[in-house]
Amino acid sequence: MAKWDAALGSEVLLKKTSLDQMWTPVRLNDGTTYNYGFGWYLRPVPGHRTVAHGGGLPGFSTFIWRFMDDKLTVIVLSNSEIADTGRIALGVAGLYVPALVSPEVKKQL
């Protein structure tokens, strides 16, 4: 997972233009945008550009949260489908960048 994350931070897998497009909000048919781009949800955290992806099936859940401007990625793998892996990832990130778990951020989640 660490190697994959490192590759996403370089042009090993995709060109920078493709990565930028992948992390740009999709434009819908009515002209509005939605915070999702090519498999990545663009999670709004004030002052921090982030992308995330999570999922799971009965028996497990996962979440990867990339804090692009902070050069920080947190990956959570759980053997419980009810684990709030996104919130766990944010809590871990907050240990490194306390502003990520400020009261104003918590209100938005």
PDB file of N, CA and C in Angstrom:
ATOM      1  N   MET A   1       0.824  -1.179   0.000  1.00  0.00           N
ATOM      2  CA  MET A   1       0.000   0.000   0.000  1.00  0.00           C
ATOM      3  C   MET A   1       0.876   1.255   0.000  1.00  0.00           C
ATOM      4  N   ALA A   2       1.974   1.211   0.726  1.00  0.00           N
ATOM      5  CA  ALA A   2       2.877   2.367   0.768  1.00  0.00           C
ATOM      6  C   ALA A   2       3.503   2.613  -0.602  1.00  0.00           C
ATOM      7  N   LYS A   3       3.866   1.550  -1.300  1.00  0.00           N
ATOM      8  CA  LYS A   3       4.435   1.714  -2.649  1.00  0.00           C
ATOM      9  C   LYS A   3       3.390   2.274  -3.615  1.00  0.00           C
ATOM     10  N   TRP A   4       2.164   1.816  -3.486  1.00  0.00           N
ATOM     11  CA  TRP A   4       1.094   2.325  -4.350  1.00  0.00           C
ATOM     12  C   TRP A   4       0.870   3.802  -4.092  1.00  0.00           C
ATOM     13  N   ASP A   5       0.837   4.193  -2.810  1.00  0.00           N
ATOM     14  CA  ASP A   5       0.668   5.601  -2.472  1.00  0.00           C
ATOM     15  C   ASP A   5       1.833   6.430  -3.015  1.00  0.00           C
ATOM     16  N   ALA A   6       3.044   5.921  -2.886  1.00  0.00           N
ATOM     17  CA  ALA A   6       4.210   6.643  -3.405  1.00  0.00           C
ATOM     18  C   ALA A   6       4.102   6.804  -4.923  1.00  0.00           C
ATOM     19  N   ALA A   7       3.614   5.777  -5.598  1.00  0.00           N
ATOM     20  CA  ALA A   7       3.456   5.864  -7.051  1.00  0.00           C
ATOM     21  C   ALA A   7       2.411   6.914  -7.427  1.00  0.00           C
ATOM     22  N   LEU A   8       1.366   7.061  -6.611  1.00  0.00           N
ATOM     23  CA  LEU A   8       0.350   8.079  -6.881  1.00  0.00           C
ATOM     24  C   LEU A   8       0.902   9.492  -6.689  1.00  0.00           C
ATOM     25  N   GLY A   9       1.980   9.614  -5.935  1.00  0.00           N
ATOM     26  CA  GLY A   9       2.605  10.916  -5.724  1.00  0.00           C
ATOM     27  C   GLY A   9       3.670  11.237  -6.750  1.00  0.00           C
ATOM     28  N   SER A  10       3.807  10.395  -7.754  1.00  0.00           N
ATOM     29  CA  SER A  10       4.799  10.608  -8.808  1.00  0.00           C
ATOM     30  C   SER A  10       4.129  10.319 -10.156  1.00  0.00           C
ATOM     31  N   GLU A  11       4.917  10.267 -11.184  1.00  0.00           N
ATOM     32  CA  GLU A  11       4.378   9.949 -12.507  1.00  0.00           C
ATOM     33  C   GLU A  11       4.737   8.522 -12.922  1.00  0.00           C
ATOM     34  N   VAL A  12       4.911   7.658 -11.932  1.00  0.00           N
ATOM     35  CA  VAL A  12       5.242   6.261 -12.217  1.00  0.00           C
ATOM     36  C   VAL A  12       4.070   5.540 -12.879  1.00  0.00           C
ATOM     37  N   LEU A  13       2.855   5.742 -12.361  1.00  0.00           N
ATOM     38  CA  LEU A  13       1.674   5.070 -12.902  1.00  0.00           C
ATOM     39  C   LEU A  13       0.973   5.889 -13.973  1.00  0.00           C
ATOM     40  N   LEU A  14       0.791   7.174 -13.687  1.00  0.00           N
ATOM     41  CA  LEU A  14       0.053   8.065 -14.584  1.00  0.00           C
ATOM     42  C   LEU A  14       0.780   9.401 -14.703  1.00  0.00           C
ATOM     43  N   LYS A  15       0.543  10.076 -15.817  1.00  0.00           N
ATOM     44  CA  LYS A  15       1.108  11.414 -15.988  1.00  0.00           C
ATOM     45  C   LYS A  15       0.412  12.377 -15.034  1.00  0.00           C
ATOM     46  N   LYS A  16       1.090  13.482 -14.704  1.00  0.00           N
ATOM     47  CA  LYS A  16       0.527  14.473 -13.793  1.00  0.00           C
ATOM     48  C   LYS A  16      -0.820  14.978 -14.294  1.00  0.00           C
ATOM     49  N   THR A  17      -0.967  15.161 -15.595  1.00  0.00           N
ATOM     50  CA  THR A  17      -2.245  15.648 -16.126  1.00  0.00           C
ATOM     51  C   THR A  17      -3.377  14.650 -15.843  1.00  0.00           C
ATOM     52  N   SER A  18      -3.080  13.359 -15.919  1.00  0.00           N
ATOM     53  CA  SER A  18      -4.090  12.337 -15.618  1.00  0.00           C
ATOM     54  C   SER A  18      -4.416  12.322 -14.132  1.00  0.00           C
ATOM     55  N   LEU A  19      -3.392  12.448 -13.284  1.00  0.00           N
ATOM     56  CA  LEU A  19      -3.628  12.499 -11.842  1.00  0.00           C
ATOM     57  C   LEU A  19      -4.474  13.715 -11.479  1.00  0.00           C
ATOM     58  N   ASP A  20      -4.148  14.865 -12.064  1.00  0.00           N
ATOM     59  CA  ASP A  20      -4.926  16.080 -11.794  1.00  0.00           C
ATOM     60  C   ASP A  20      -6.377  15.897 -12.219  1.00  0.00           C
ATOM     61  N   GLN A  21      -6.589  15.276 -13.363  1.00  0.00           N
ATOM     62  CA  GLN A  21      -7.954  15.035 -13.852  1.00  0.00           C
ATOM     63  C   GLN A  21      -8.684  14.054 -12.933  1.00  0.00           C
ATOM     64  N   MET A  22      -7.956  13.071 -12.435  1.00  0.00           N
ATOM     65  CA  MET A  22      -8.529  12.066 -11.564  1.00  0.00           C
ATOM     66  C   MET A  22      -9.034  12.681 -10.255  1.00  0.00           C
ATOM     67  N   TRP A  23      -8.387  13.757  -9.825  1.00  0.00           N
ATOM     68  CA  TRP A  23      -8.727  14.396  -8.558  1.00  0.00           C
ATOM     69  C   TRP A  23      -9.412  15.738  -8.759  1.00  0.00           C
ATOM     70  N   THR A  24     -10.126  15.884  -9.867  1.00  0.00           N
ATOM     71  CA  THR A  24     -10.915  17.081 -10.155  1.00  0.00           C
ATOM     72  C   THR A  24     -12.388  16.717 -10.078  1.00  0.00           C
ATOM     73  N   PRO A  25     -13.212  17.562  -9.443  1.00  0.00           N
ATOM     74  CA  PRO A  25     -14.643  17.237  -9.352  1.00  0.00           C
ATOM     75  C   PRO A  25     -15.255  16.995 -10.725  1.00  0.00           C
ATOM     76  N   VAL A  26     -16.112  16.005 -10.801  1.00  0.00           N
ATOM     77  CA  VAL A  26     -16.781  15.668 -12.050  1.00  0.00           C
ATOM     78  C   VAL A  26     -17.834  16.731 -12.367  1.00  0.00           C
ATOM     79  N   ARG A  27     -17.959  17.061 -13.647  1.00  0.00           N
ATOM     80  CA  ARG A  27     -18.996  18.003 -14.082  1.00  0.00           C
ATOM     81  C   ARG A  27     -20.195  17.182 -14.549  1.00  0.00           C
ATOM     82  N   LEU A  28     -21.327  17.455 -13.935  1.00  0.00           N
ATOM     83  CA  LEU A  28     -22.553  16.723 -14.261  1.00  0.00           C
ATOM     84  C   LEU A  28     -23.234  17.325 -15.484  1.00  0.00           C
ATOM     85  N   ASN A  29     -24.207  16.609 -16.036  1.00  0.00           N
ATOM     86  CA  ASN A  29     -24.911  17.057 -17.242  1.00  0.00           C
ATOM     87  C   ASN A  29     -25.589  18.414 -17.071  1.00  0.00           C
ATOM     88  N   ASP A  30     -26.014  18.737 -15.853  1.00  0.00           N
ATOM     89  CA  ASP A  30     -26.668  20.032 -15.642  1.00  0.00           C
ATOM     90  C   ASP A  30     -25.673  21.173 -15.409  1.00  0.00           C
ATOM     91  N   GLY A  31     -24.368  20.887 -15.519  1.00  0.00           N
ATOM     92  CA  GLY A  31     -23.336  21.911 -15.381  1.00  0.00           C
ATOM     93  C   GLY A  31     -22.769  22.056 -13.986  1.00  0.00           C
ATOM     94  N   THR A  32     -23.420  21.457 -12.996  1.00  0.00           N
ATOM     95  CA  THR A  32     -22.893  21.523 -11.641  1.00  0.00           C
ATOM     96  C   THR A  32     -21.762  20.512 -11.477  1.00  0.00           C
ATOM     97  N   THR A  33     -21.029  20.633 -10.381  1.00  0.00           N
ATOM     98  CA  THR A  33     -19.961  19.677 -10.115  1.00  0.00           C
ATOM     99  C   THR A  33     -20.290  18.865  -8.873  1.00  0.00           C
ATOM    100  N   TYR A  34     -19.651  17.717  -8.777  1.00  0.00           N
ATOM    101  CA  TYR A  34     -19.803  16.841  -7.621  1.00  0.00           C
ATOM    102  C   TYR A  34     -18.408  16.430  -7.174  1.00  0.00           C
ATOM    103  N   ASN A  35     -18.188  16.367  -5.862  1.00  0.00           N
ATOM    104  CA  ASN A  35     -16.862  16.089  -5.311  1.00  0.00           C
ATOM    105  C   ASN A  35     -16.452  14.625  -5.446  1.00  0.00           C
ATOM    106  N   TYR A  36     -16.379  14.167  -6.682  1.00  0.00           N
ATOM    107  CA  TYR A  36     -15.968  12.805  -6.967  1.00  0.00           C
ATOM    108  C   TYR A  36     -15.239  12.812  -8.300  1.00  0.00           C
ATOM    109  N   GLY A  37     -14.119  12.130  -8.347  1.00  0.00           N
ATOM    110  CA  GLY A  37     -13.378  12.096  -9.597  1.00  0.00           C
ATOM    111  C   GLY A  37     -12.691  10.761  -9.816  1.00  0.00           C
ATOM    112  N   PHE A  38     -13.099  10.022 -10.788  1.00  0.00           N
ATOM    113  CA  PHE A  38     -12.450   8.773 -11.208  1.00  0.00           C
ATOM    114  C   PHE A  38     -12.130   7.838 -10.042  1.00  0.00           C
ATOM    115  N   GLY A  39     -13.100   7.578  -9.192  1.00  0.00           N
ATOM    116  CA  GLY A  39     -12.906   6.634  -8.096  1.00  0.00           C
ATOM    117  C   GLY A  39     -12.463   7.255  -6.786  1.00  0.00           C
ATOM    118  N   TRP A  40     -12.209   8.531  -6.786  1.00  0.00           N
ATOM    119  CA  TRP A  40     -11.759   9.222  -5.575  1.00  0.00           C
ATOM    120  C   TRP A  40     -12.797  10.247  -5.153  1.00  0.00           C
ATOM    121  N   TYR A  41     -13.151  10.212  -3.880  1.00  0.00           N
ATOM    122  CA  TYR A  41     -14.045  11.219  -3.339  1.00  0.00           C
ATOM    123  C   TYR A  41     -13.179  12.379  -2.845  1.00  0.00           C
ATOM    124  N   LEU A  42     -13.530  13.580  -3.240  1.00  0.00           N
ATOM    125  CA  LEU A  42     -12.787  14.767  -2.846  1.00  0.00           C
ATOM    126  C   LEU A  42     -13.397  15.279  -1.547  1.00  0.00           C
ATOM    127  N   ARG A  43     -12.823  14.853  -0.436  1.00  0.00           N
ATOM    128  CA  ARG A  43     -13.373  15.150   0.887  1.00  0.00           C
ATOM    129  C   ARG A  43     -13.025  16.579   1.291  1.00  0.00           C
ATOM    130  N   PRO A  44     -14.015  17.402   1.605  1.00  0.00           N
ATOM    131  CA  PRO A  44     -13.723  18.783   1.984  1.00  0.00           C
ATOM    132  C   PRO A  44     -13.199  18.888   3.416  1.00  0.00           C
ATOM    133  N   VAL A  45     -11.955  19.292   3.565  1.00  0.00           N
ATOM    134  CA  VAL A  45     -11.361  19.614   4.851  1.00  0.00           C
ATOM    135  C   VAL A  45     -10.788  21.013   4.701  1.00  0.00           C
ATOM    136  N   PRO A  46     -11.350  22.005   5.397  1.00  0.00           N
ATOM    137  CA  PRO A  46     -10.930  23.402   5.189  1.00  0.00           C
ATOM    138  C   PRO A  46      -9.411  23.583   5.236  1.00  0.00           C
ATOM    139  N   GLY A  47      -8.885  24.180   4.172  1.00  0.00           N
ATOM    140  CA  GLY A  47      -7.465  24.479   4.103  1.00  0.00           C
ATOM    141  C   GLY A  47      -6.572  23.320   3.715  1.00  0.00           C
ATOM    142  N   HIS A  48      -7.165  22.178   3.393  1.00  0.00           N
ATOM    143  CA  HIS A  48      -6.369  20.997   3.054  1.00  0.00           C
ATOM    144  C   HIS A  48      -7.005  20.303   1.857  1.00  0.00           C
ATOM    145  N   ARG A  49      -6.232  20.134   0.800  1.00  0.00           N
ATOM    146  CA  ARG A  49      -6.713  19.409  -0.380  1.00  0.00           C
ATOM    147  C   ARG A  49      -6.590  17.921  -0.079  1.00  0.00           C
ATOM    148  N   THR A  50      -7.711  17.217  -0.179  1.00  0.00           N
ATOM    149  CA  THR A  50      -7.699  15.794   0.161  1.00  0.00           C
ATOM    150  C   THR A  50      -8.470  14.976  -0.872  1.00  0.00           C
ATOM    151  N   VAL A  51      -8.083  13.726  -0.992  1.00  0.00           N
ATOM    152  CA  VAL A  51      -8.843  12.759  -1.778  1.00  0.00           C
ATOM    153  C   VAL A  51      -8.937  11.486  -0.948  1.00  0.00           C
ATOM    154  N   ALA A  52     -10.026  10.751  -1.151  1.00  0.00           N
ATOM    155  CA  ALA A  52     -10.234   9.562  -0.332  1.00  0.00           C
ATOM    156  C   ALA A  52     -10.988   8.499  -1.113  1.00  0.00           C
ATOM    157  N   HIS A  53     -10.845   7.273  -0.637  1.00  0.00           N
ATOM    158  CA  HIS A  53     -11.622   6.176  -1.206  1.00  0.00           C
ATOM    159  C   HIS A  53     -11.798   5.130  -0.110  1.00  0.00           C
ATOM    160  N   GLY A  54     -12.995   4.643   0.003  1.00  0.00           N
ATOM    161  CA  GLY A  54     -13.257   3.610   0.996  1.00  0.00           C
ATOM    162  C   GLY A  54     -14.209   2.574   0.449  1.00  0.00           C
ATOM    163  N   GLY A  55     -14.330   1.510   1.172  1.00  0.00           N
ATOM    164  CA  GLY A  55     -15.258   0.477   0.744  1.00  0.00           C
ATOM    165  C   GLY A  55     -15.217  -0.700   1.680  1.00  0.00           C
ATOM    166  N   GLY A  56     -15.962  -1.694   1.333  1.00  0.00           N
ATOM    167  CA  GLY A  56     -15.974  -2.894   2.152  1.00  0.00           C
ATOM    168  C   GLY A  56     -17.082  -3.849   1.743  1.00  0.00           C
ATOM    169  N   LEU A  57     -17.042  -4.983   2.333  1.00  0.00           N
ATOM    170  CA  LEU A  57     -18.022  -6.047   2.156  1.00  0.00           C
ATOM    171  C   LEU A  57     -18.220  -6.678   3.524  1.00  0.00           C
ATOM    172  N   PRO A  58     -19.193  -7.555   3.667  1.00  0.00           N
ATOM    173  CA  PRO A  58     -19.331  -8.211   4.962  1.00  0.00           C
ATOM    174  C   PRO A  58     -17.995  -8.808   5.423  1.00  0.00           C
ATOM    175  N   GLY A  59     -17.557  -8.353   6.586  1.00  0.00           N
ATOM    176  CA  GLY A  59     -16.318  -8.882   7.148  1.00  0.00           C
ATOM    177  C   GLY A  59     -15.141  -7.932   7.106  1.00  0.00           C
ATOM    178  N   PHE A  60     -15.225  -6.857   6.327  1.00  0.00           N
ATOM    179  CA  PHE A  60     -14.098  -5.918   6.320  1.00  0.00           C
ATOM    180  C   PHE A  60     -14.531  -4.554   5.799  1.00  0.00           C
ATOM    181  N   SER A  61     -13.730  -3.565   6.108  1.00  0.00           N
ATOM    182  CA  SER A  61     -13.902  -2.224   5.542  1.00  0.00           C
ATOM    183  C   SER A  61     -12.530  -1.572   5.435  1.00  0.00           C
ATOM    184  N   THR A  62     -12.408  -0.654   4.493  1.00  0.00           N
ATOM    185  CA  THR A  62     -11.121  -0.024   4.227  1.00  0.00           C
ATOM    186  C   THR A  62     -11.317   1.460   3.953  1.00  0.00           C
ATOM    187  N   PHE A  63     -10.243   2.213   4.080  1.00  0.00           N
ATOM    188  CA  PHE A  63     -10.278   3.629   3.738  1.00  0.00           C
ATOM    189  C   PHE A  63      -8.858   4.101   3.489  1.00  0.00           C
ATOM    190  N   ILE A  64      -8.687   4.870   2.422  1.00  0.00           N
ATOM    191  CA  ILE A  64      -7.429   5.564   2.179  1.00  0.00           C
ATOM    192  C   ILE A  64      -7.769   7.041   2.094  1.00  0.00           C
ATOM    193  N   TRP A  65      -7.060   7.825   2.855  1.00  0.00           N
ATOM    194  CA  TRP A  65      -7.274   9.275   2.859  1.00  0.00           C
ATOM    195  C   TRP A  65      -5.934   9.924   2.598  1.00  0.00           C
ATOM    196  N   ARG A  66      -5.845  10.626   1.474  1.00  0.00           N
ATOM    197  CA  ARG A  66      -4.612  11.313   1.075  1.00  0.00           C
ATOM    198  C   ARG A  66      -4.784  12.814   1.313  1.00  0.00           C
ATOM    199  N   PHE A  67      -3.948  13.366   2.156  1.00  0.00           N
ATOM    200  CA  PHE A  67      -3.930  14.794   2.453  1.00  0.00           C
ATOM    201  C   PHE A  67      -2.823  15.378   1.586  1.00  0.00           C
ATOM    202  N   MET A  68      -3.204  15.796   0.383  1.00  0.00           N
ATOM    203  CA  MET A  68      -2.264  16.127  -0.673  1.00  0.00           C
ATOM    204  C   MET A  68      -1.276  17.233  -0.277  1.00  0.00           C
ATOM    205  N   ASP A  69      -1.786  18.343   0.245  1.00  0.00           N
ATOM    206  CA  ASP A  69      -0.912  19.471   0.578  1.00  0.00           C
ATOM    207  C   ASP A  69      -0.052  19.179   1.797  1.00  0.00           C
ATOM    208  N   ASP A  70      -0.488  18.257   2.632  1.00  0.00           N
ATOM    209  CA  ASP A  70       0.261  17.902   3.839  1.00  0.00           C
ATOM    210  C   ASP A  70       1.244  16.764   3.593  1.00  0.00           C
ATOM    211  N   LYS A  71       1.215  16.191   2.383  1.00  0.00           N
ATOM    212  CA  LYS A  71       2.059  15.047   2.038  1.00  0.00           C
ATOM    213  C   LYS A  71       1.907  13.914   3.068  1.00  0.00           C
ATOM    214  N   LEU A  72       0.637  13.611   3.354  1.00  0.00           N
ATOM    215  CA  LEU A  72       0.308  12.607   4.349  1.00  0.00           C
ATOM    216  C   LEU A  72      -0.787  11.701   3.789  1.00  0.00           C
ATOM    217  N   THR A  73      -0.611  10.415   3.958  1.00  0.00           N
ATOM    218  CA  THR A  73      -1.630   9.440   3.577  1.00  0.00           C
ATOM    219  C   THR A  73      -1.860   8.506   4.750  1.00  0.00           C
ATOM    220  N   VAL A  74      -3.114   8.237   5.038  1.00  0.00           N
ATOM    221  CA  VAL A  74      -3.471   7.278   6.083  1.00  0.00           C
ATOM    222  C   VAL A  74      -4.337   6.205   5.434  1.00  0.00           C
ATOM    223  N   ILE A  75      -3.950   4.955   5.632  1.00  0.00           N
ATOM    224  CA  ILE A  75      -4.688   3.815   5.097  1.00  0.00           C
ATOM    225  C   ILE A  75      -5.149   2.971   6.271  1.00  0.00           C
ATOM    226  N   VAL A  76      -6.446   2.712   6.339  1.00  0.00           N
ATOM    227  CA  VAL A  76      -7.012   1.904   7.421  1.00  0.00           C
ATOM    228  C   VAL A  76      -7.644   0.664   6.811  1.00  0.00           C
ATOM    229  N   LEU A  77      -7.258  -0.492   7.313  1.00  0.00           N
ATOM    230  CA  LEU A  77      -7.827  -1.776   6.909  1.00  0.00           C
ATOM    231  C   LEU A  77      -8.423  -2.403   8.157  1.00  0.00           C
ATOM    232  N   SER A  78      -9.695  -2.767   8.103  1.00  0.00           N
ATOM    233  CA  SER A  78     -10.371  -3.318   9.274  1.00  0.00           C
ATOM    234  C   SER A  78     -11.054  -4.631   8.930  1.00  0.00           C
ATOM    235  N   ASN A  79     -11.059  -5.537   9.877  1.00  0.00           N
ATOM    236  CA  ASN A  79     -11.786  -6.790   9.668  1.00  0.00           C
ATOM    237  C   ASN A  79     -13.194  -6.708  10.247  1.00  0.00           C
ATOM    238  N   SER A  80     -13.756  -5.494  10.242  1.00  0.00           N
ATOM    239  CA  SER A  80     -15.131  -5.269  10.689  1.00  0.00           C
ATOM    240  C   SER A  80     -15.820  -4.351   9.694  1.00  0.00           C
ATOM    241  N   GLU A  81     -16.940  -4.782   9.154  1.00  0.00           N
ATOM    242  CA  GLU A  81     -17.628  -3.944   8.171  1.00  0.00           C
ATOM    243  C   GLU A  81     -18.292  -2.728   8.797  1.00  0.00           C
ATOM    244  N   ILE A  82     -18.428  -2.691  10.114  1.00  0.00           N
ATOM    245  CA  ILE A  82     -19.069  -1.541  10.755  1.00  0.00           C
ATOM    246  C   ILE A  82     -18.067  -0.523  11.296  1.00  0.00           C
ATOM    247  N   ALA A  83     -16.783  -0.789  11.154  1.00  0.00           N
ATOM    248  CA  ALA A  83     -15.769   0.162  11.612  1.00  0.00           C
ATOM    249  C   ALA A  83     -15.857   1.441  10.787  1.00  0.00           C
ATOM    250  N   ASP A  84     -15.779   2.581  11.432  1.00  0.00           N
ATOM    251  CA  ASP A  84     -15.800   3.869  10.731  1.00  0.00           C
ATOM    252  C   ASP A  84     -14.367   4.198  10.322  1.00  0.00           C
ATOM    253  N   THR A  85     -13.915   3.522   9.273  1.00  0.00           N
ATOM    254  CA  THR A  85     -12.516   3.637   8.863  1.00  0.00           C
ATOM    255  C   THR A  85     -12.148   5.045   8.408  1.00  0.00           C
ATOM    256  N   GLY A  86     -13.099   5.782   7.854  1.00  0.00           N
ATOM    257  CA  GLY A  86     -12.821   7.163   7.458  1.00  0.00           C
ATOM    258  C   GLY A  86     -12.533   8.039   8.664  1.00  0.00           C
ATOM    259  N   ARG A  87     -13.325   7.894   9.706  1.00  0.00           N
ATOM    260  CA  ARG A  87     -13.110   8.676  10.933  1.00  0.00           C
ATOM    261  C   ARG A  87     -11.821   8.236  11.632  1.00  0.00           C
ATOM    262  N   ILE A  88     -11.528   6.945  11.615  1.00  0.00           N
ATOM    263  CA  ILE A  88     -10.279   6.453  12.190  1.00  0.00           C
ATOM    264  C   ILE A  88      -9.099   7.070  11.448  1.00  0.00           C
ATOM    265  N   ALA A  89      -9.171   7.075  10.112  1.00  0.00           N
ATOM    266  CA  ALA A  89      -8.088   7.653   9.307  1.00  0.00           C
ATOM    267  C   ALA A  89      -7.897   9.123   9.634  1.00  0.00           C
ATOM    268  N   LEU A  90      -8.981   9.861   9.776  1.00  0.00           N
ATOM    269  CA  LEU A  90      -8.888  11.282  10.102  1.00  0.00           C
ATOM    270  C   LEU A  90      -8.262  11.473  11.488  1.00  0.00           C
ATOM    271  N   GLY A  91      -8.639  10.629  12.441  1.00  0.00           N
ATOM    272  CA  GLY A  91      -8.056  10.717  13.778  1.00  0.00           C
ATOM    273  C   GLY A  91      -6.561  10.476  13.768  1.00  0.00           C
ATOM    274  N   VAL A  92      -6.122   9.491  13.003  1.00  0.00           N
ATOM    275  CA  VAL A  92      -4.687   9.220  12.890  1.00  0.00           C
ATOM    276  C   VAL A  92      -3.984  10.405  12.223  1.00  0.00           C
ATOM    277  N   ALA A  93      -4.585  10.934  11.165  1.00  0.00           N
ATOM    278  CA  ALA A  93      -3.993  12.093  10.483  1.00  0.00           C
ATOM    279  C   ALA A  93      -3.868  13.273  11.441  1.00  0.00           C
ATOM    280  N   GLY A  94      -4.853  13.426  12.323  1.00  0.00           N
ATOM    281  CA  GLY A  94      -4.825  14.513  13.289  1.00  0.00           C
ATOM    282  C   GLY A  94      -3.679  14.432  14.269  1.00  0.00           C
ATOM    283  N   LEU A  95      -3.128  13.245  14.463  1.00  0.00           N
ATOM    284  CA  LEU A  95      -1.940  13.109  15.309  1.00  0.00           C
ATOM    285  C   LEU A  95      -0.731  13.789  14.673  1.00  0.00           C
ATOM    286  N   TYR A  96      -0.720  13.877  13.351  1.00  0.00           N
ATOM    287  CA  TYR A  96       0.385  14.487  12.616  1.00  0.00           C
ATOM    288  C   TYR A  96       0.095  15.928  12.224  1.00  0.00           C
ATOM    289  N   VAL A  97      -1.161  16.216  11.899  1.00  0.00           N
ATOM    290  CA  VAL A  97      -1.588  17.571  11.516  1.00  0.00           C
ATOM    291  C   VAL A  97      -2.827  17.893  12.351  1.00  0.00           C
ATOM    292  N   PRO A  98      -2.642  18.461  13.551  1.00  0.00           N
ATOM    293  CA  PRO A  98      -3.774  18.696  14.455  1.00  0.00           C
ATOM    294  C   PRO A  98      -4.926  19.492  13.844  1.00  0.00           C
ATOM    295  N   ALA A  99      -4.657  20.379  12.900  1.00  0.00           N
ATOM    296  CA  ALA A  99      -5.724  21.177  12.288  1.00  0.00           C
ATOM    297  C   ALA A  99      -6.744  20.305  11.564  1.00  0.00           C
ATOM    298  N   LEU A 100      -6.388  19.088  11.222  1.00  0.00           N
ATOM    299  CA  LEU A 100      -7.304  18.204  10.511  1.00  0.00           C
ATOM    300  C   LEU A 100      -8.457  17.723  11.390  1.00  0.00           C
ATOM    301  N   VAL A 101      -8.333  17.835  12.689  1.00  0.00           N
ATOM    302  CA  VAL A 101      -9.401  17.415  13.583  1.00  0.00           C
ATOM    303  C   VAL A 101      -9.887  18.599  14.453  1.00  0.00           C
ATOM    304  N   SER A 102      -9.776  19.789  13.898  1.00  0.00           N
ATOM    305  CA  SER A 102     -10.261  20.971  14.601  1.00  0.00           C
ATOM    306  C   SER A 102     -11.780  20.891  14.757  1.00  0.00           C
ATOM    307  N   PRO A 103     -12.351  21.644  15.695  1.00  0.00           N
ATOM    308  CA  PRO A 103     -13.816  21.621  15.866  1.00  0.00           C
ATOM    309  C   PRO A 103     -14.582  21.957  14.588  1.00  0.00           C
ATOM    310  N   GLU A 104     -14.068  22.884  13.763  1.00  0.00           N
ATOM    311  CA  GLU A 104     -14.799  23.221  12.530  1.00  0.00           C
ATOM    312  C   GLU A 104     -14.777  22.063  11.532  1.00  0.00           C
ATOM    313  N   VAL A 105     -13.708  21.292  11.508  1.00  0.00           N
ATOM    314  CA  VAL A 105     -13.654  20.122  10.622  1.00  0.00           C
ATOM    315  C   VAL A 105     -14.626  19.059  11.129  1.00  0.00           C
ATOM    316  N   LYS A 106     -14.643  18.823  12.422  1.00  0.00           N
ATOM    317  CA  LYS A 106     -15.531  17.802  12.995  1.00  0.00           C
ATOM    318  C   LYS A 106     -16.992  18.102  12.688  1.00  0.00           C
ATOM    319  N   LYS A 107     -17.370  19.365  12.652  1.00  0.00           N
ATOM    320  CA  LYS A 107     -18.755  19.747  12.343  1.00  0.00           C
ATOM    321  C   LYS A 107     -19.137  19.345  10.927  1.00  0.00           C
ATOM    322  N   GLN A 108     -18.185  19.385  10.007  1.00  0.00           N
ATOM    323  CA  GLN A 108     -18.459  19.120   8.599  1.00  0.00           C
ATOM    324  C   GLN A 108     -18.529  17.634   8.276  1.00  0.00           C
ATOM    325  N   LEU A 109     -18.038  16.807   9.166  1.00  0.00           N
ATOM    326  CA  LEU A 109     -18.006  15.367   8.887  1.00  0.00           C
ATOM    327  C   LEU A 109     -19.228  14.654   9.376  1.00  0.00           C
TER     328      LEU A 109
END
